[in-house]
Amino acid sequence: MAANKKRFKLKIANKNYVVIGDSTPEHMRAVSHLVNEQLTEIMSENVSREDAAVLLAINAVSDQLRKQKELDDIKDKKSHDGEQ
């Protein structure tokens, strides 16, 4: 394990996980809180934990792609504005 990597113990949907990364404890608490919140919301529709996890992953990737497109559009606009 690299020197800058840390272990984080998270409880997601009443199951314990150990995550290794270079995030701050505050960041991982926020991630854990949001994942639990979103899983709880999805699971309230009577889907299994596995299905809820897949749906949460789909939502997260979709949001990531949308944000990346927004960033790309901003960069394109800035580069076009700079050409004038």
PDB file of N, CA and C in Angstrom:
ATOM      1  N   MET A   1       0.846  -1.175   0.000  1.00  0.00           N
ATOM      2  CA  MET A   1       0.000   0.000   0.000  1.00  0.00           C
ATOM      3  C   MET A   1       0.890   1.236   0.000  1.00  0.00           C
ATOM      4  N   ALA A   2       0.595   2.174  -0.862  1.00  0.00           N
ATOM      5  CA  ALA A   2       1.378   3.398  -0.971  1.00  0.00           C
ATOM      6  C   ALA A   2       1.262   4.213   0.312  1.00  0.00           C
ATOM      7  N   ALA A   3       2.285   5.011   0.580  1.00  0.00           N
ATOM      8  CA  ALA A   3       2.355   5.777   1.820  1.00  0.00           C
ATOM      9  C   ALA A   3       1.181   6.744   1.980  1.00  0.00           C
ATOM     10  N   ASN A   4       0.702   7.320   0.900  1.00  0.00           N
ATOM     11  CA  ASN A   4      -0.373   8.306   1.011  1.00  0.00           C
ATOM     12  C   ASN A   4      -1.765   7.680   1.062  1.00  0.00           C
ATOM     13  N   LYS A   5      -1.867   6.382   0.980  1.00  0.00           N
ATOM     14  CA  LYS A   5      -3.168   5.703   1.027  1.00  0.00           C
ATOM     15  C   LYS A   5      -3.574   5.469   2.479  1.00  0.00           C
ATOM     16  N   LYS A   6      -4.864   5.604   2.737  1.00  0.00           N
ATOM     17  CA  LYS A   6      -5.398   5.381   4.081  1.00  0.00           C
ATOM     18  C   LYS A   6      -6.523   4.368   4.004  1.00  0.00           C
ATOM     19  N   ARG A   7      -6.777   3.713   5.116  1.00  0.00           N
ATOM     20  CA  ARG A   7      -7.893   2.776   5.216  1.00  0.00           C
ATOM     21  C   ARG A   7      -9.060   3.496   5.880  1.00  0.00           C
ATOM     22  N   PHE A   8     -10.228   3.293   5.316  1.00  0.00           N
ATOM     23  CA  PHE A   8     -11.441   3.871   5.875  1.00  0.00           C
ATOM     24  C   PHE A   8     -12.430   2.744   6.121  1.00  0.00           C
ATOM     25  N   LYS A   9     -12.985   2.713   7.307  1.00  0.00           N
ATOM     26  CA  LYS A   9     -14.021   1.733   7.628  1.00  0.00           C
ATOM     27  C   LYS A   9     -15.366   2.418   7.453  1.00  0.00           C
ATOM     28  N   LEU A  10     -16.167   1.871   6.553  1.00  0.00           N
ATOM     29  CA  LEU A  10     -17.479   2.432   6.251  1.00  0.00           C
ATOM     30  C   LEU A  10     -18.555   1.409   6.529  1.00  0.00           C
ATOM     31  N   LYS A  11     -19.704   1.888   6.940  1.00  0.00           N
ATOM     32  CA  LYS A  11     -20.864   1.018   7.100  1.00  0.00           C
ATOM     33  C   LYS A  11     -21.893   1.478   6.077  1.00  0.00           C
ATOM     34  N   ILE A  12     -22.113   0.629   5.082  1.00  0.00           N
ATOM     35  CA  ILE A  12     -23.038   0.929   3.995  1.00  0.00           C
ATOM     36  C   ILE A  12     -24.156  -0.106   4.032  1.00  0.00           C
ATOM     37  N   ALA A  13     -25.380   0.369   4.141  1.00  0.00           N
ATOM     38  CA  ALA A  13     -26.552  -0.517   4.191  1.00  0.00           C
ATOM     39  C   ALA A  13     -26.361  -1.621   5.235  1.00  0.00           C
ATOM     40  N   ASN A  14     -25.895  -1.199   6.405  1.00  0.00           N
ATOM     41  CA  ASN A  14     -25.678  -2.094   7.552  1.00  0.00           C
ATOM     42  C   ASN A  14     -24.645  -3.184   7.296  1.00  0.00           C
ATOM     43  N   LYS A  15     -23.755  -2.950   6.372  1.00  0.00           N
ATOM     44  CA  LYS A  15     -22.665  -3.890   6.104  1.00  0.00           C
ATOM     45  C   LYS A  15     -21.356  -3.113   6.175  1.00  0.00           C
ATOM     46  N   ASN A  16     -20.344  -3.713   6.806  1.00  0.00           N
ATOM     47  CA  ASN A  16     -19.054  -3.050   6.975  1.00  0.00           C
ATOM     48  C   ASN A  16     -18.157  -3.268   5.761  1.00  0.00           C
ATOM     49  N   TYR A  17     -17.480  -2.189   5.366  1.00  0.00           N
ATOM     50  CA  TYR A  17     -16.532  -2.223   4.252  1.00  0.00           C
ATOM     51  C   TYR A  17     -15.268  -1.486   4.669  1.00  0.00           C
ATOM     52  N   VAL A  18     -14.154  -1.917   4.120  1.00  0.00           N
ATOM     53  CA  VAL A  18     -12.903  -1.185   4.270  1.00  0.00           C
ATOM     54  C   VAL A  18     -12.525  -0.683   2.890  1.00  0.00           C
ATOM     55  N   VAL A  19     -12.332   0.639   2.801  1.00  0.00           N
ATOM     56  CA  VAL A  19     -12.000   1.289   1.542  1.00  0.00           C
ATOM     57  C   VAL A  19     -10.606   1.883   1.698  1.00  0.00           C
ATOM     58  N   ILE A  20      -9.770   1.689   0.691  1.00  0.00           N
ATOM     59  CA  ILE A  20      -8.418   2.229   0.717  1.00  0.00           C
ATOM     60  C   ILE A  20      -8.327   3.332  -0.325  1.00  0.00           C
ATOM     61  N   GLY A  21      -7.839   4.491   0.102  1.00  0.00           N
ATOM     62  CA  GLY A  21      -7.723   5.600  -0.828  1.00  0.00           C
ATOM     63  C   GLY A  21      -6.968   6.758  -0.227  1.00  0.00           C
ATOM     64  N   ASP A  22      -6.890   7.840  -0.969  1.00  0.00           N
ATOM     65  CA  ASP A  22      -6.149   9.010  -0.502  1.00  0.00           C
ATOM     66  C   ASP A  22      -7.066  10.168  -0.137  1.00  0.00           C
ATOM     67  N   SER A  23      -8.333   9.888   0.077  1.00  0.00           N
ATOM     68  CA  SER A  23      -9.309  10.914   0.450  1.00  0.00           C
ATOM     69  C   SER A  23      -9.137  11.311   1.907  1.00  0.00           C
ATOM     70  N   THR A  24      -9.794  12.396   2.262  1.00  0.00           N
ATOM     71  CA  THR A  24      -9.804  12.810   3.659  1.00  0.00           C
ATOM     72  C   THR A  24     -10.911  12.060   4.396  1.00  0.00           C
ATOM     73  N   PRO A  25     -10.793  11.969   5.710  1.00  0.00           N
ATOM     74  CA  PRO A  25     -11.880  11.344   6.481  1.00  0.00           C
ATOM     75  C   PRO A  25     -13.212  12.072   6.276  1.00  0.00           C
ATOM     76  N   GLU A  26     -13.174  13.392   6.166  1.00  0.00           N
ATOM     77  CA  GLU A  26     -14.400  14.163   5.955  1.00  0.00           C
ATOM     78  C   GLU A  26     -15.054  13.784   4.621  1.00  0.00           C
ATOM     79  N   HIS A  27     -14.225  13.639   3.595  1.00  0.00           N
ATOM     80  CA  HIS A  27     -14.742  13.257   2.275  1.00  0.00           C
ATOM     81  C   HIS A  27     -15.400  11.883   2.348  1.00  0.00           C
ATOM     82  N   MET A  28     -14.736  10.936   2.984  1.00  0.00           N
ATOM     83  CA  MET A  28     -15.280   9.576   3.051  1.00  0.00           C
ATOM     84  C   MET A  28     -16.549   9.526   3.903  1.00  0.00           C
ATOM     85  N   ARG A  29     -16.627  10.358   4.953  1.00  0.00           N
ATOM     86  CA  ARG A  29     -17.874  10.422   5.737  1.00  0.00           C
ATOM     87  C   ARG A  29     -19.011  10.948   4.861  1.00  0.00           C
ATOM     88  N   ALA A  30     -18.715  11.966   4.059  1.00  0.00           N
ATOM     89  CA  ALA A  30     -19.734  12.522   3.164  1.00  0.00           C
ATOM     90  C   ALA A  30     -20.170  11.485   2.135  1.00  0.00           C
ATOM     91  N   VAL A  31     -19.208  10.761   1.570  1.00  0.00           N
ATOM     92  CA  VAL A  31     -19.521   9.708   0.595  1.00  0.00           C
ATOM     93  C   VAL A  31     -20.397   8.647   1.244  1.00  0.00           C
ATOM     94  N   SER A  32     -19.982   8.178   2.402  1.00  0.00           N
ATOM     95  CA  SER A  32     -20.736   7.146   3.113  1.00  0.00           C
ATOM     96  C   SER A  32     -22.162   7.617   3.413  1.00  0.00           C
ATOM     97  N   HIS A  33     -22.286   8.851   3.871  1.00  0.00           N
ATOM     98  CA  HIS A  33     -23.612   9.400   4.187  1.00  0.00           C
ATOM     99  C   HIS A  33     -24.498   9.446   2.938  1.00  0.00           C
ATOM    100  N   LEU A  34     -23.959   9.957   1.833  1.00  0.00           N
ATOM    101  CA  LEU A  34     -24.753  10.064   0.608  1.00  0.00           C
ATOM    102  C   LEU A  34     -25.122   8.694   0.041  1.00  0.00           C
ATOM    103  N   VAL A  35     -24.183   7.755   0.078  1.00  0.00           N
ATOM    104  CA  VAL A  35     -24.479   6.404  -0.424  1.00  0.00           C
ATOM    105  C   VAL A  35     -25.586   5.779   0.413  1.00  0.00           C
ATOM    106  N   ASN A  36     -25.476   5.883   1.729  1.00  0.00           N
ATOM    107  CA  ASN A  36     -26.516   5.315   2.594  1.00  0.00           C
ATOM    108  C   ASN A  36     -27.862   5.983   2.352  1.00  0.00           C
ATOM    109  N   GLU A  37     -27.845   7.298   2.203  1.00  0.00           N
ATOM    110  CA  GLU A  37     -29.078   8.027   1.950  1.00  0.00           C
ATOM    111  C   GLU A  37     -29.732   7.577   0.642  1.00  0.00           C
ATOM    112  N   GLN A  38     -28.924   7.477  -0.403  1.00  0.00           N
ATOM    113  CA  GLN A  38     -29.460   7.102  -1.707  1.00  0.00           C
ATOM    114  C   GLN A  38     -29.879   5.639  -1.740  1.00  0.00           C
ATOM    115  N   LEU A  39     -29.113   4.764  -1.103  1.00  0.00           N
ATOM    116  CA  LEU A  39     -29.506   3.350  -1.046  1.00  0.00           C
ATOM    117  C   LEU A  39     -30.825   3.186  -0.297  1.00  0.00           C
ATOM    118  N   THR A  40     -30.966   3.907   0.805  1.00  0.00           N
ATOM    119  CA  THR A  40     -32.204   3.831   1.583  1.00  0.00           C
ATOM    120  C   THR A  40     -33.391   4.258   0.730  1.00  0.00           C
ATOM    121  N   GLU A  41     -33.191   5.335  -0.029  1.00  0.00           N
ATOM    122  CA  GLU A  41     -34.270   5.812  -0.900  1.00  0.00           C
ATOM    123  C   GLU A  41     -34.623   4.779  -1.966  1.00  0.00           C
ATOM    124  N   ILE A  42     -33.623   4.207  -2.609  1.00  0.00           N
ATOM    125  CA  ILE A  42     -33.868   3.216  -3.660  1.00  0.00           C
ATOM    126  C   ILE A  42     -34.488   1.957  -3.070  1.00  0.00           C
ATOM    127  N   MET A  43     -33.975   1.514  -1.913  1.00  0.00           N
ATOM    128  CA  MET A  43     -34.474   0.280  -1.308  1.00  0.00           C
ATOM    129  C   MET A  43     -35.900   0.448  -0.762  1.00  0.00           C
ATOM    130  N   SER A  44     -36.347   1.687  -0.582  1.00  0.00           N
ATOM    131  CA  SER A  44     -37.720   1.899  -0.123  1.00  0.00           C
ATOM    132  C   SER A  44     -38.732   1.479  -1.193  1.00  0.00           C
ATOM    133  N   GLU A  45     -38.238   1.293  -2.406  1.00  0.00           N
ATOM    134  CA  GLU A  45     -39.091   0.822  -3.504  1.00  0.00           C
ATOM    135  C   GLU A  45     -39.141  -0.711  -3.560  1.00  0.00           C
ATOM    136  N   ASN A  46     -38.719  -1.357  -2.471  1.00  0.00           N
ATOM    137  CA  ASN A  46     -38.756  -2.808  -2.336  1.00  0.00           C
ATOM    138  C   ASN A  46     -37.899  -3.536  -3.375  1.00  0.00           C
ATOM    139  N   VAL A  47     -36.701  -3.023  -3.601  1.00  0.00           N
ATOM    140  CA  VAL A  47     -35.742  -3.745  -4.438  1.00  0.00           C
ATOM    141  C   VAL A  47     -34.665  -4.322  -3.527  1.00  0.00           C
ATOM    142  N   SER A  48     -34.001  -5.338  -3.991  1.00  0.00           N
ATOM    143  CA  SER A  48     -32.960  -5.972  -3.190  1.00  0.00           C
ATOM    144  C   SER A  48     -31.778  -5.028  -3.014  1.00  0.00           C
ATOM    145  N   ARG A  49     -30.936  -5.335  -2.057  1.00  0.00           N
ATOM    146  CA  ARG A  49     -29.729  -4.538  -1.829  1.00  0.00           C
ATOM    147  C   ARG A  49     -28.854  -4.560  -3.079  1.00  0.00           C
ATOM    148  N   GLU A  50     -28.751  -5.718  -3.722  1.00  0.00           N
ATOM    149  CA  GLU A  50     -27.934  -5.841  -4.939  1.00  0.00           C
ATOM    150  C   GLU A  50     -28.491  -4.962  -6.063  1.00  0.00           C
ATOM    151  N   ASP A  51     -29.794  -5.034  -6.282  1.00  0.00           N
ATOM    152  CA  ASP A  51     -30.405  -4.205  -7.325  1.00  0.00           C
ATOM    153  C   ASP A  51     -30.271  -2.723  -6.993  1.00  0.00           C
ATOM    154  N   ALA A  52     -30.423  -2.374  -5.711  1.00  0.00           N
ATOM    155  CA  ALA A  52     -30.277  -0.980  -5.296  1.00  0.00           C
ATOM    156  C   ALA A  52     -28.850  -0.502  -5.557  1.00  0.00           C
ATOM    157  N   ALA A  53     -27.863  -1.354  -5.292  1.00  0.00           N
ATOM    158  CA  ALA A  53     -26.465  -0.980  -5.533  1.00  0.00           C
ATOM    159  C   ALA A  53     -26.212  -0.749  -7.020  1.00  0.00           C
ATOM    160  N   VAL A  54     -26.778  -1.601  -7.859  1.00  0.00           N
ATOM    161  CA  VAL A  54     -26.613  -1.430  -9.308  1.00  0.00           C
ATOM    162  C   VAL A  54     -27.294  -0.142  -9.764  1.00  0.00           C
ATOM    163  N   LEU A  55     -28.497   0.113  -9.287  1.00  0.00           N
ATOM    164  CA  LEU A  55     -29.199   1.340  -9.665  1.00  0.00           C
ATOM    165  C   LEU A  55     -28.451   2.580  -9.178  1.00  0.00           C
ATOM    166  N   LEU A  56     -27.884   2.504  -7.972  1.00  0.00           N
ATOM    167  CA  LEU A  56     -27.093   3.614  -7.456  1.00  0.00           C
ATOM    168  C   LEU A  56     -25.854   3.844  -8.319  1.00  0.00           C
ATOM    169  N   ALA A  57     -25.193   2.758  -8.734  1.00  0.00           N
ATOM    170  CA  ALA A  57     -24.019   2.880  -9.609  1.00  0.00           C
ATOM    171  C   ALA A  57     -24.405   3.511 -10.947  1.00  0.00           C
ATOM    172  N   ILE A  58     -25.534   3.095 -11.499  1.00  0.00           N
ATOM    173  CA  ILE A  58     -26.002   3.673 -12.769  1.00  0.00           C
ATOM    174  C   ILE A  58     -26.256   5.169 -12.595  1.00  0.00           C
ATOM    175  N   ASN A  59     -26.914   5.543 -11.508  1.00  0.00           N
ATOM    176  CA  ASN A  59     -27.166   6.958 -11.245  1.00  0.00           C
ATOM    177  C   ASN A  59     -25.860   7.736 -11.092  1.00  0.00           C
ATOM    178  N   ALA A  60     -24.900   7.164 -10.365  1.00  0.00           N
ATOM    179  CA  ALA A  60     -23.622   7.847 -10.130  1.00  0.00           C
ATOM    180  C   ALA A  60     -22.852   8.046 -11.430  1.00  0.00           C
ATOM    181  N   VAL A  61     -22.792   7.022 -12.258  1.00  0.00           N
ATOM    182  CA  VAL A  61     -22.067   7.134 -13.531  1.00  0.00           C
ATOM    183  C   VAL A  61     -22.785   8.110 -14.455  1.00  0.00           C
ATOM    184  N   SER A  62     -24.095   8.064 -14.470  1.00  0.00           N
ATOM    185  CA  SER A  62     -24.861   8.997 -15.291  1.00  0.00           C
ATOM    186  C   SER A  62     -24.580  10.440 -14.864  1.00  0.00           C
ATOM    187  N   ASP A  63     -24.603  10.683 -13.560  1.00  0.00           N
ATOM    188  CA  ASP A  63     -24.291  12.024 -13.044  1.00  0.00           C
ATOM    189  C   ASP A  63     -22.861  12.436 -13.409  1.00  0.00           C
ATOM    190  N   GLN A  64     -21.934  11.507 -13.287  1.00  0.00           N
ATOM    191  CA  GLN A  64     -20.529  11.787 -13.623  1.00  0.00           C
ATOM    192  C   GLN A  64     -20.387  12.170 -15.088  1.00  0.00           C
ATOM    193  N   LEU A  65     -21.038  11.434 -15.970  1.00  0.00           N
ATOM    194  CA  LEU A  65     -20.964  11.738 -17.398  1.00  0.00           C
ATOM    195  C   LEU A  65     -21.598  13.096 -17.710  1.00  0.00           C
ATOM    196  N   ARG A  66     -22.711  13.393 -17.052  1.00  0.00           N
ATOM    197  CA  ARG A  66     -23.377  14.678 -17.251  1.00  0.00           C
ATOM    198  C   ARG A  66     -22.466  15.824 -16.801  1.00  0.00           C
ATOM    199  N   LYS A  67     -21.831  15.684 -15.638  1.00  0.00           N
ATOM    200  CA  LYS A  67     -20.924  16.717 -15.134  1.00  0.00           C
ATOM    201  C   LYS A  67     -19.700  16.859 -16.034  1.00  0.00           C
ATOM    202  N   GLN A  68     -19.192  15.739 -16.537  1.00  0.00           N
ATOM    203  CA  GLN A  68     -18.043  15.811 -17.435  1.00  0.00           C
ATOM    204  C   GLN A  68     -18.401  16.556 -18.712  1.00  0.00           C
ATOM    205  N   LYS A  69     -19.601  16.320 -19.229  1.00  0.00           N
ATOM    206  CA  LYS A  69     -20.043  17.041 -20.427  1.00  0.00           C
ATOM    207  C   LYS A  69     -20.159  18.537 -20.138  1.00  0.00           C
ATOM    208  N   GLU A  70     -20.690  18.888 -18.969  1.00  0.00           N
ATOM    209  CA  GLU A  70     -20.778  20.295 -18.589  1.00  0.00           C
ATOM    210  C   GLU A  70     -19.391  20.934 -18.537  1.00  0.00           C
ATOM    211  N   LEU A  71     -18.425  20.228 -17.940  1.00  0.00           N
ATOM    212  CA  LEU A  71     -17.050  20.746 -17.878  1.00  0.00           C
ATOM    213  C   LEU A  71     -16.455  20.888 -19.272  1.00  0.00           C
ATOM    214  N   ASP A  72     -16.665  19.886 -20.114  1.00  0.00           N
ATOM    215  CA  ASP A  72     -16.157  19.949 -21.487  1.00  0.00           C
ATOM    216  C   ASP A  72     -16.771  21.112 -22.248  1.00  0.00           C
ATOM    217  N   ASP A  73     -18.079  21.332 -22.056  1.00  0.00           N
ATOM    218  CA  ASP A  73     -18.756  22.454 -22.720  1.00  0.00           C
ATOM    219  C   ASP A  73     -18.185  23.791 -22.249  1.00  0.00           C
ATOM    220  N   ILE A  74     -17.916  23.915 -20.947  1.00  0.00           N
ATOM    221  CA  ILE A  74     -17.326  25.146 -20.408  1.00  0.00           C
ATOM    222  C   ILE A  74     -15.935  25.362 -20.990  1.00  0.00           C
ATOM    223  N   LYS A  75     -15.136  24.296 -21.045  1.00  0.00           N
ATOM    224  CA  LYS A  75     -13.786  24.408 -21.617  1.00  0.00           C
ATOM    225  C   LYS A  75     -13.846  24.804 -23.089  1.00  0.00           C
ATOM    226  N   ASP A  76     -14.768  24.195 -23.834  1.00  0.00           N
ATOM    227  CA  ASP A  76     -14.922  24.532 -25.256  1.00  0.00           C
ATOM    228  C   ASP A  76     -15.324  25.992 -25.428  1.00  0.00           C
ATOM    229  N   LYS A  77     -16.243  26.444 -24.589  1.00  0.00           N
ATOM    230  CA  LYS A  77     -16.691  27.836 -24.674  1.00  0.00           C
ATOM    231  C   LYS A  77     -15.535  28.785 -24.375  1.00  0.00           C
ATOM    232  N   LYS A  78     -14.747  28.467 -23.344  1.00  0.00           N
ATOM    233  CA  LYS A  78     -13.598  29.319 -22.990  1.00  0.00           C
ATOM    234  C   LYS A  78     -12.576  29.342 -24.114  1.00  0.00           C
ATOM    235  N   SER A  79     -12.326  28.200 -24.728  1.00  0.00           N
ATOM    236  CA  SER A  79     -11.325  28.172 -25.800  1.00  0.00           C
ATOM    237  C   SER A  79     -11.826  28.922 -27.026  1.00  0.00           C
ATOM    238  N   HIS A  80     -13.112  28.856 -27.303  1.00  0.00           N
ATOM    239  CA  HIS A  80     -13.695  29.605 -28.416  1.00  0.00           C
ATOM    240  C   HIS A  80     -13.729  31.091 -28.127  1.00  0.00           C
ATOM    241  N   ASP A  81     -14.018  31.462 -26.887  1.00  0.00           N
ATOM    242  CA  ASP A  81     -14.022  32.870 -26.509  1.00  0.00           C
ATOM    243  C   ASP A  81     -12.610  33.454 -26.595  1.00  0.00           C
ATOM    244  N   GLY A  82     -11.613  32.634 -26.301  1.00  0.00           N
ATOM    245  CA  GLY A  82     -10.221  33.079 -26.353  1.00  0.00           C
ATOM    246  C   GLY A  82      -9.718  33.265 -27.775  1.00  0.00           C
ATOM    247  N   GLU A  83     -10.347  32.612 -28.748  1.00  0.00           N
ATOM    248  CA  GLU A  83      -9.921  32.695 -30.140  1.00  0.00           C
ATOM    249  C   GLU A  83     -10.370  33.995 -30.789  1.00  0.00           C
ATOM    250  N   GLN A  84     -11.370  34.653 -30.228  1.00  0.00           N
ATOM    251  CA  GLN A  84     -11.931  35.852 -30.853  1.00  0.00           C
ATOM    252  C   GLN A  84     -11.052  37.051 -30.657  1.00  0.00           C
TER     253      GLN A  84
END
